[in-house]
């Protein structure tokens, strides 16, 4: 399989804001605990996304949410 030169590279992903933030959500005693674990970027062709996780949870669920303005402040 050949690589398409139009694919996103890590430098392209890092230079633009992610389309979604990945969160690990765990439930304990009727409380939900949210931890940011990664992000997702749209492909240039609009046909998919690249998901980059810093960690993979063993339990709970992963939720993808659009970033809020205050989440992106201070993120590089």
PDB file of N, CA and C in Angstrom:
ATOM      1  N   UNK A   1       0.843  -1.169   0.000  1.00  0.00           N
ATOM      2  CA  UNK A   1       0.000   0.000   0.000  1.00  0.00           C
ATOM      3  C   UNK A   1       0.894   1.240   0.000  1.00  0.00           C
ATOM      4  N   UNK A   2       0.614   2.169  -0.865  1.00  0.00           N
ATOM      5  CA  UNK A   2       1.427   3.380  -0.943  1.00  0.00           C
ATOM      6  C   UNK A   2       0.814   4.473  -0.083  1.00  0.00           C
ATOM      7  N   UNK A   3       1.664   5.348   0.359  1.00  0.00           N
ATOM      8  CA  UNK A   3       1.194   6.467   1.175  1.00  0.00           C
ATOM      9  C   UNK A   3       0.772   7.612   0.270  1.00  0.00           C
ATOM     10  N   UNK A   4      -0.330   8.208   0.595  1.00  0.00           N
ATOM     11  CA  UNK A   4      -0.810   9.383  -0.124  1.00  0.00           C
ATOM     12  C   UNK A   4      -0.077  10.596   0.434  1.00  0.00           C
ATOM     13  N   UNK A   5       0.547  11.376  -0.439  1.00  0.00           N
ATOM     14  CA  UNK A   5       1.311  12.520   0.055  1.00  0.00           C
ATOM     15  C   UNK A   5       0.427  13.595   0.671  1.00  0.00           C
ATOM     16  N   UNK A   6      -0.898  13.478   0.524  1.00  0.00           N
ATOM     17  CA  UNK A   6      -1.817  14.442   1.119  1.00  0.00           C
ATOM     18  C   UNK A   6      -2.240  14.061   2.533  1.00  0.00           C
ATOM     19  N   UNK A   7      -1.752  12.913   3.038  1.00  0.00           N
ATOM     20  CA  UNK A   7      -2.110  12.507   4.390  1.00  0.00           C
ATOM     21  C   UNK A   7      -1.560  13.499   5.394  1.00  0.00           C
ATOM     22  N   UNK A   8      -2.279  13.632   6.519  1.00  0.00           N
ATOM     23  CA  UNK A   8      -1.780  14.490   7.592  1.00  0.00           C
ATOM     24  C   UNK A   8      -0.515  13.883   8.169  1.00  0.00           C
ATOM     25  N   UNK A   9       0.443  14.718   8.457  1.00  0.00           N
ATOM     26  CA  UNK A   9       1.634  14.277   9.166  1.00  0.00           C
ATOM     27  C   UNK A   9       1.552  14.822  10.576  1.00  0.00           C
ATOM     28  N   UNK A  10       2.412  14.347  11.446  1.00  0.00           N
ATOM     29  CA  UNK A  10       2.342  14.820  12.823  1.00  0.00           C
ATOM     30  C   UNK A  10       2.553  16.327  12.892  1.00  0.00           C
ATOM     31  N   UNK A  11       3.394  16.889  12.036  1.00  0.00           N
ATOM     32  CA  UNK A  11       3.599  18.337  12.076  1.00  0.00           C
ATOM     33  C   UNK A  11       2.345  19.073  11.625  1.00  0.00           C
ATOM     34  N   UNK A  12       1.610  18.532  10.652  1.00  0.00           N
ATOM     35  CA  UNK A  12       0.354  19.164  10.230  1.00  0.00           C
ATOM     36  C   UNK A  12      -0.670  19.114  11.356  1.00  0.00           C
ATOM     37  N   UNK A  13      -0.778  17.969  12.034  1.00  0.00           N
ATOM     38  CA  UNK A  13      -1.738  17.831  13.129  1.00  0.00           C
ATOM     39  C   UNK A  13      -1.407  18.793  14.249  1.00  0.00           C
ATOM     40  N   UNK A  14      -0.120  18.891  14.580  1.00  0.00           N
ATOM     41  CA  UNK A  14       0.269  19.716  15.701  1.00  0.00           C
ATOM     42  C   UNK A  14       0.116  21.203  15.411  1.00  0.00           C
ATOM     43  N   UNK A  15       0.103  21.603  14.145  1.00  0.00           N
ATOM     44  CA  UNK A  15       0.029  23.018  13.821  1.00  0.00           C
ATOM     45  C   UNK A  15      -1.401  23.548  13.822  1.00  0.00           C
ATOM     46  N   UNK A  16      -2.399  22.688  13.846  1.00  0.00           N
ATOM     47  CA  UNK A  16      -3.773  23.171  13.907  1.00  0.00           C
ATOM     48  C   UNK A  16      -4.481  22.557  15.113  1.00  0.00           C
ATOM     49  N   UNK A  17      -5.509  23.237  15.551  1.00  0.00           N
ATOM     50  CA  UNK A  17      -6.252  22.783  16.729  1.00  0.00           C
ATOM     51  C   UNK A  17      -6.995  21.493  16.412  1.00  0.00           C
ATOM     52  N   UNK A  18      -7.112  20.603  17.382  1.00  0.00           N
ATOM     53  CA  UNK A  18      -7.841  19.351  17.147  1.00  0.00           C
ATOM     54  C   UNK A  18      -9.339  19.608  16.973  1.00  0.00           C
ATOM     55  N   UNK A  19      -9.983  18.723  16.226  1.00  0.00           N
ATOM     56  CA  UNK A  19     -11.430  18.812  16.037  1.00  0.00           C
ATOM     57  C   UNK A  19     -12.166  18.331  17.282  1.00  0.00           C
ATOM     58  N   UNK A  20     -11.564  17.373  17.992  1.00  0.00           N
ATOM     59  CA  UNK A  20     -12.166  16.811  19.204  1.00  0.00           C
ATOM     60  C   UNK A  20     -11.091  16.564  20.249  1.00  0.00           C
ATOM     61  N   UNK A  21     -11.494  16.620  21.515  1.00  0.00           N
ATOM     62  CA  UNK A  21     -10.645  16.235  22.634  1.00  0.00           C
ATOM     63  C   UNK A  21     -11.153  14.887  23.131  1.00  0.00           C
ATOM     64  N   UNK A  22     -10.240  13.954  23.394  1.00  0.00           N
ATOM     65  CA  UNK A  22     -10.600  12.634  23.911  1.00  0.00           C
ATOM     66  C   UNK A  22     -10.524  12.655  25.433  1.00  0.00           C
ATOM     67  N   UNK A  23     -11.579  12.181  26.067  1.00  0.00           N
ATOM     68  CA  UNK A  23     -11.674  12.136  27.528  1.00  0.00           C
ATOM     69  C   UNK A  23     -11.943  10.712  27.981  1.00  0.00           C
ATOM     70  N   UNK A  24     -11.296  10.297  29.069  1.00  0.00           N
ATOM     71  CA  UNK A  24     -11.631   9.032  29.726  1.00  0.00           C
ATOM     72  C   UNK A  24     -12.629   9.377  30.820  1.00  0.00           C
ATOM     73  N   UNK A  25     -13.770   8.700  30.830  1.00  0.00           N
ATOM     74  CA  UNK A  25     -14.804   8.943  31.834  1.00  0.00           C
ATOM     75  C   UNK A  25     -14.976   7.673  32.650  1.00  0.00           C
ATOM     76  N   UNK A  26     -14.741   7.789  33.944  1.00  0.00           N
ATOM     77  CA  UNK A  26     -14.950   6.652  34.840  1.00  0.00           C
ATOM     78  C   UNK A  26     -16.038   7.022  35.847  1.00  0.00           C
ATOM     79  N   UNK A  27     -16.786   6.030  36.255  1.00  0.00           N
ATOM     80  CA  UNK A  27     -17.891   6.232  37.195  1.00  0.00           C
ATOM     81  C   UNK A  27     -17.532   5.580  38.527  1.00  0.00           C
ATOM     82  N   UNK A  28     -17.691   6.360  39.608  1.00  0.00           N
ATOM     83  CA  UNK A  28     -17.486   5.835  40.960  1.00  0.00           C
ATOM     84  C   UNK A  28     -18.527   6.457  41.880  1.00  0.00           C
ATOM     85  N   UNK A  29     -19.300   5.592  42.542  1.00  0.00           N
ATOM     86  CA  UNK A  29     -20.301   6.063  43.506  1.00  0.00           C
ATOM     87  C   UNK A  29     -21.183   7.164  42.924  1.00  0.00           C
ATOM     88  N   UNK A  30     -21.750   6.908  41.767  1.00  0.00           N
ATOM     89  CA  UNK A  30     -22.664   7.831  41.090  1.00  0.00           C
ATOM     90  C   UNK A  30     -22.020   9.158  40.701  1.00  0.00           C
ATOM     91  N   UNK A  31     -20.681   9.216  40.682  1.00  0.00           N
ATOM     92  CA  UNK A  31     -19.963  10.406  40.229  1.00  0.00           C
ATOM     93  C   UNK A  31     -19.168  10.042  38.988  1.00  0.00           C
ATOM     94  N   UNK A  32     -19.038  11.000  38.092  1.00  0.00           N
ATOM     95  CA  UNK A  32     -18.241  10.815  36.881  1.00  0.00           C
ATOM     96  C   UNK A  32     -16.949  11.612  37.009  1.00  0.00           C
ATOM     97  N   UNK A  33     -15.839  10.979  36.651  1.00  0.00           N
ATOM     98  CA  UNK A  33     -14.533  11.620  36.673  1.00  0.00           C
ATOM     99  C   UNK A  33     -14.000  11.665  35.253  1.00  0.00           C
ATOM    100  N   UNK A  34     -13.702  12.867  34.768  1.00  0.00           N
ATOM    101  CA  UNK A  34     -13.244  13.078  33.405  1.00  0.00           C
ATOM    102  C   UNK A  34     -11.750  13.404  33.406  1.00  0.00           C
ATOM    103  N   UNK A  35     -10.987  12.688  32.577  1.00  0.00           N
ATOM    104  CA  UNK A  35      -9.551  12.942  32.434  1.00  0.00           C
ATOM    105  C   UNK A  35      -9.229  13.062  30.946  1.00  0.00           C
ATOM    106  N   UNK A  36      -8.557  14.129  30.577  1.00  0.00           N
ATOM    107  CA  UNK A  36      -8.172  14.323  29.174  1.00  0.00           C
ATOM    108  C   UNK A  36      -7.074  13.325  28.814  1.00  0.00           C
ATOM    109  N   UNK A  37      -7.278  12.577  27.733  1.00  0.00           N
ATOM    110  CA  UNK A  37      -6.306  11.550  27.359  1.00  0.00           C
ATOM    111  C   UNK A  37      -5.799  11.676  25.926  1.00  0.00           C
ATOM    112  N   UNK A  38      -6.314  12.618  25.152  1.00  0.00           N
ATOM    113  CA  UNK A  38      -5.838  12.753  23.781  1.00  0.00           C
ATOM    114  C   UNK A  38      -6.681  13.714  22.968  1.00  0.00           C
ATOM    115  N   UNK A  39      -6.525  13.603  21.634  1.00  0.00           N
ATOM    116  CA  UNK A  39      -7.227  14.508  20.723  1.00  0.00           C
ATOM    117  C   UNK A  39      -7.399  13.844  19.362  1.00  0.00           C
ATOM    118  N   UNK A  40      -8.289  14.399  18.547  1.00  0.00           N
ATOM    119  CA  UNK A  40      -8.549  13.881  17.200  1.00  0.00           C
ATOM    120  C   UNK A  40      -8.548  15.031  16.201  1.00  0.00           C
ATOM    121  N   UNK A  41      -7.940  14.790  15.044  1.00  0.00           N
ATOM    122  CA  UNK A  41      -7.858  15.781  13.970  1.00  0.00           C
ATOM    123  C   UNK A  41      -8.538  15.241  12.720  1.00  0.00           C
ATOM    124  N   UNK A  42      -9.222  16.142  11.989  1.00  0.00           N
ATOM    125  CA  UNK A  42      -9.846  15.770  10.720  1.00  0.00           C
ATOM    126  C   UNK A  42      -8.775  15.517   9.666  1.00  0.00           C
ATOM    127  N   UNK A  43      -9.044  14.557   8.786  1.00  0.00           N
ATOM    128  CA  UNK A  43      -8.179  14.359   7.620  1.00  0.00           C
ATOM    129  C   UNK A  43      -8.476  15.454   6.614  1.00  0.00           C
ATOM    130  N   UNK A  44      -7.497  15.807   5.809  1.00  0.00           N
ATOM    131  CA  UNK A  44      -7.678  16.864   4.805  1.00  0.00           C
ATOM    132  C   UNK A  44      -8.806  16.549   3.832  1.00  0.00           C
ATOM    133  N   UNK A  45      -8.978  15.261   3.494  1.00  0.00           N
ATOM    134  CA  UNK A  45     -10.015  14.899   2.523  1.00  0.00           C
ATOM    135  C   UNK A  45     -11.408  14.808   3.144  1.00  0.00           C
ATOM    136  N   UNK A  46     -11.501  14.993   4.471  1.00  0.00           N
ATOM    137  CA  UNK A  46     -12.796  14.971   5.140  1.00  0.00           C
ATOM    138  C   UNK A  46     -13.395  13.586   5.304  1.00  0.00           C
ATOM    139  N   UNK A  47     -12.637  12.546   5.008  1.00  0.00           N
ATOM    140  CA  UNK A  47     -13.161  11.185   5.034  1.00  0.00           C
ATOM    141  C   UNK A  47     -12.806  10.412   6.305  1.00  0.00           C
ATOM    142  N   UNK A  48     -12.193  11.064   7.260  1.00  0.00           N
ATOM    143  CA  UNK A  48     -11.836  10.353   8.484  1.00  0.00           C
ATOM    144  C   UNK A  48     -11.153  11.276   9.476  1.00  0.00           C
ATOM    145  N   UNK A  49     -10.639  10.656  10.526  1.00  0.00           N
ATOM    146  CA  UNK A  49      -9.961  11.401  11.581  1.00  0.00           C
ATOM    147  C   UNK A  49      -8.753  10.611  12.058  1.00  0.00           C
ATOM    148  N   UNK A  50      -7.799  11.315  12.629  1.00  0.00           N
ATOM    149  CA  UNK A  50      -6.668  10.692  13.296  1.00  0.00           C
ATOM    150  C   UNK A  50      -6.854  10.910  14.787  1.00  0.00           C
ATOM    151  N   UNK A  51      -6.846   9.814  15.547  1.00  0.00           N
ATOM    152  CA  UNK A  51      -7.004   9.865  16.993  1.00  0.00           C
ATOM    153  C   UNK A  51      -5.649   9.587  17.627  1.00  0.00           C
ATOM    154  N   UNK A  52      -5.173  10.515  18.446  1.00  0.00           N
ATOM    155  CA  UNK A  52      -3.900  10.339  19.143  1.00  0.00           C
ATOM    156  C   UNK A  52      -4.193  10.313  20.636  1.00  0.00           C
ATOM    157  N   UNK A  53      -3.912   9.160  21.274  1.00  0.00           N
ATOM    158  CA  UNK A  53      -4.151   8.998  22.698  1.00  0.00           C
ATOM    159  C   UNK A  53      -2.830   8.986  23.453  1.00  0.00           C
ATOM    160  N   UNK A  54      -2.789   9.668  24.582  1.00  0.00           N
ATOM    161  CA  UNK A  54      -1.613   9.643  25.452  1.00  0.00           C
ATOM    162  C   UNK A  54      -1.633   8.403  26.330  1.00  0.00           C
ATOM    163  N   UNK A  55      -2.803   7.880  26.591  1.00  0.00           N
ATOM    164  CA  UNK A  55      -2.982   6.684  27.402  1.00  0.00           C
ATOM    165  C   UNK A  55      -4.242   5.973  26.942  1.00  0.00           C
ATOM    166  N   UNK A  56      -4.329   4.676  27.201  1.00  0.00           N
ATOM    167  CA  UNK A  56      -5.513   3.901  26.839  1.00  0.00           C
ATOM    168  C   UNK A  56      -6.109   3.349  28.129  1.00  0.00           C
ATOM    169  N   UNK A  57      -7.322   3.759  28.476  1.00  0.00           N
ATOM    170  CA  UNK A  57      -7.923   3.296  29.729  1.00  0.00           C
ATOM    171  C   UNK A  57      -8.304   1.820  29.683  1.00  0.00           C
ATOM    172  N   UNK A  58      -8.223   1.186  30.833  1.00  0.00           N
ATOM    173  CA  UNK A  58      -8.593  -0.224  30.958  1.00  0.00           C
ATOM    174  C   UNK A  58     -10.087  -0.383  31.259  1.00  0.00           C
ATOM    175  N   UNK A  59     -10.704   0.663  31.781  1.00  0.00           N
ATOM    176  CA  UNK A  59     -12.125   0.601  32.119  1.00  0.00           C
ATOM    177  C   UNK A  59     -12.760   1.949  31.800  1.00  0.00           C
ATOM    178  N   UNK A  60     -14.057   2.048  32.031  1.00  0.00           N
ATOM    179  CA  UNK A  60     -14.745   3.301  31.733  1.00  0.00           C
ATOM    180  C   UNK A  60     -15.000   3.433  30.244  1.00  0.00           C
ATOM    181  N   UNK A  61     -15.095   4.666  29.785  1.00  0.00           N
ATOM    182  CA  UNK A  61     -15.376   4.896  28.369  1.00  0.00           C
ATOM    183  C   UNK A  61     -14.555   6.076  27.873  1.00  0.00           C
ATOM    184  N   UNK A  62     -14.410   6.174  26.549  1.00  0.00           N
ATOM    185  CA  UNK A  62     -13.747   7.311  25.922  1.00  0.00           C
ATOM    186  C   UNK A  62     -14.821   8.160  25.262  1.00  0.00           C
ATOM    187  N   UNK A  63     -14.791   9.459  25.554  1.00  0.00           N
ATOM    188  CA  UNK A  63     -15.755  10.400  24.999  1.00  0.00           C
ATOM    189  C   UNK A  63     -14.990  11.423  24.174  1.00  0.00           C
ATOM    190  N   UNK A  64     -15.457  11.687  22.950  1.00  0.00           N
ATOM    191  CA  UNK A  64     -14.873  12.729  22.104  1.00  0.00           C
ATOM    192  C   UNK A  64     -15.795  13.942  22.138  1.00  0.00           C
ATOM    193  N   UNK A  65     -15.225  15.095  22.520  1.00  0.00           N
ATOM    194  CA  UNK A  65     -15.990  16.335  22.609  1.00  0.00           C
ATOM    195  C   UNK A  65     -15.256  17.439  21.864  1.00  0.00           C
ATOM    196  N   UNK A  66     -16.015  18.351  21.262  1.00  0.00           N
ATOM    197  CA  UNK A  66     -15.398  19.507  20.613  1.00  0.00           C
ATOM    198  C   UNK A  66     -14.686  20.329  21.684  1.00  0.00           C
ATOM    199  N   UNK A  67     -13.495  20.857  21.356  1.00  0.00           N
ATOM    200  CA  UNK A  67     -12.762  21.632  22.355  1.00  0.00           C
ATOM    201  C   UNK A  67     -13.472  22.937  22.682  1.00  0.00           C
ATOM    202  N   UNK A  68     -13.369  23.335  23.928  1.00  0.00           N
ATOM    203  CA  UNK A  68     -13.882  24.619  24.383  1.00  0.00           C
ATOM    204  C   UNK A  68     -12.742  25.627  24.304  1.00  0.00           C
ATOM    205  N   UNK A  69     -13.067  26.893  24.183  1.00  0.00           N
ATOM    206  CA  UNK A  69     -12.052  27.930  24.047  1.00  0.00           C
ATOM    207  C   UNK A  69     -11.058  27.913  25.211  1.00  0.00           C
ATOM    208  N   UNK A  70     -11.535  27.677  26.433  1.00  0.00           N
ATOM    209  CA  UNK A  70     -10.646  27.689  27.587  1.00  0.00           C
ATOM    210  C   UNK A  70      -9.744  26.459  27.634  1.00  0.00           C
ATOM    211  N   UNK A  71     -10.114  25.357  26.969  1.00  0.00           N
ATOM    212  CA  UNK A  71      -9.278  24.154  26.923  1.00  0.00           C
ATOM    213  C   UNK A  71      -8.074  24.372  26.019  1.00  0.00           C
ATOM    214  N   UNK A  72      -8.255  25.155  24.943  1.00  0.00           N
ATOM    215  CA  UNK A  72      -7.178  25.372  23.983  1.00  0.00           C
ATOM    216  C   UNK A  72      -6.183  26.422  24.459  1.00  0.00           C
ATOM    217  N   UNK A  73      -6.574  27.273  25.373  1.00  0.00           N
ATOM    218  CA  UNK A  73      -5.646  28.287  25.882  1.00  0.00           C
ATOM    219  C   UNK A  73      -4.541  27.582  26.662  1.00  0.00           C
ATOM    220  N   UNK A  74      -3.321  27.861  26.269  1.00  0.00           N
ATOM    221  CA  UNK A  74      -2.202  27.242  26.954  1.00  0.00           C
ATOM    222  C   UNK A  74      -1.793  25.897  26.376  1.00  0.00           C
ATOM    223  N   UNK A  75      -2.521  25.376  25.421  1.00  0.00           N
ATOM    224  CA  UNK A  75      -2.156  24.122  24.760  1.00  0.00           C
ATOM    225  C   UNK A  75      -1.304  24.466  23.553  1.00  0.00           C
ATOM    226  N   UNK A  76      -0.231  23.731  23.334  1.00  0.00           N
ATOM    227  CA  UNK A  76       0.614  24.012  22.169  1.00  0.00           C
ATOM    228  C   UNK A  76       0.571  22.863  21.205  1.00  0.00           C
TER     229      UNK A  76
END
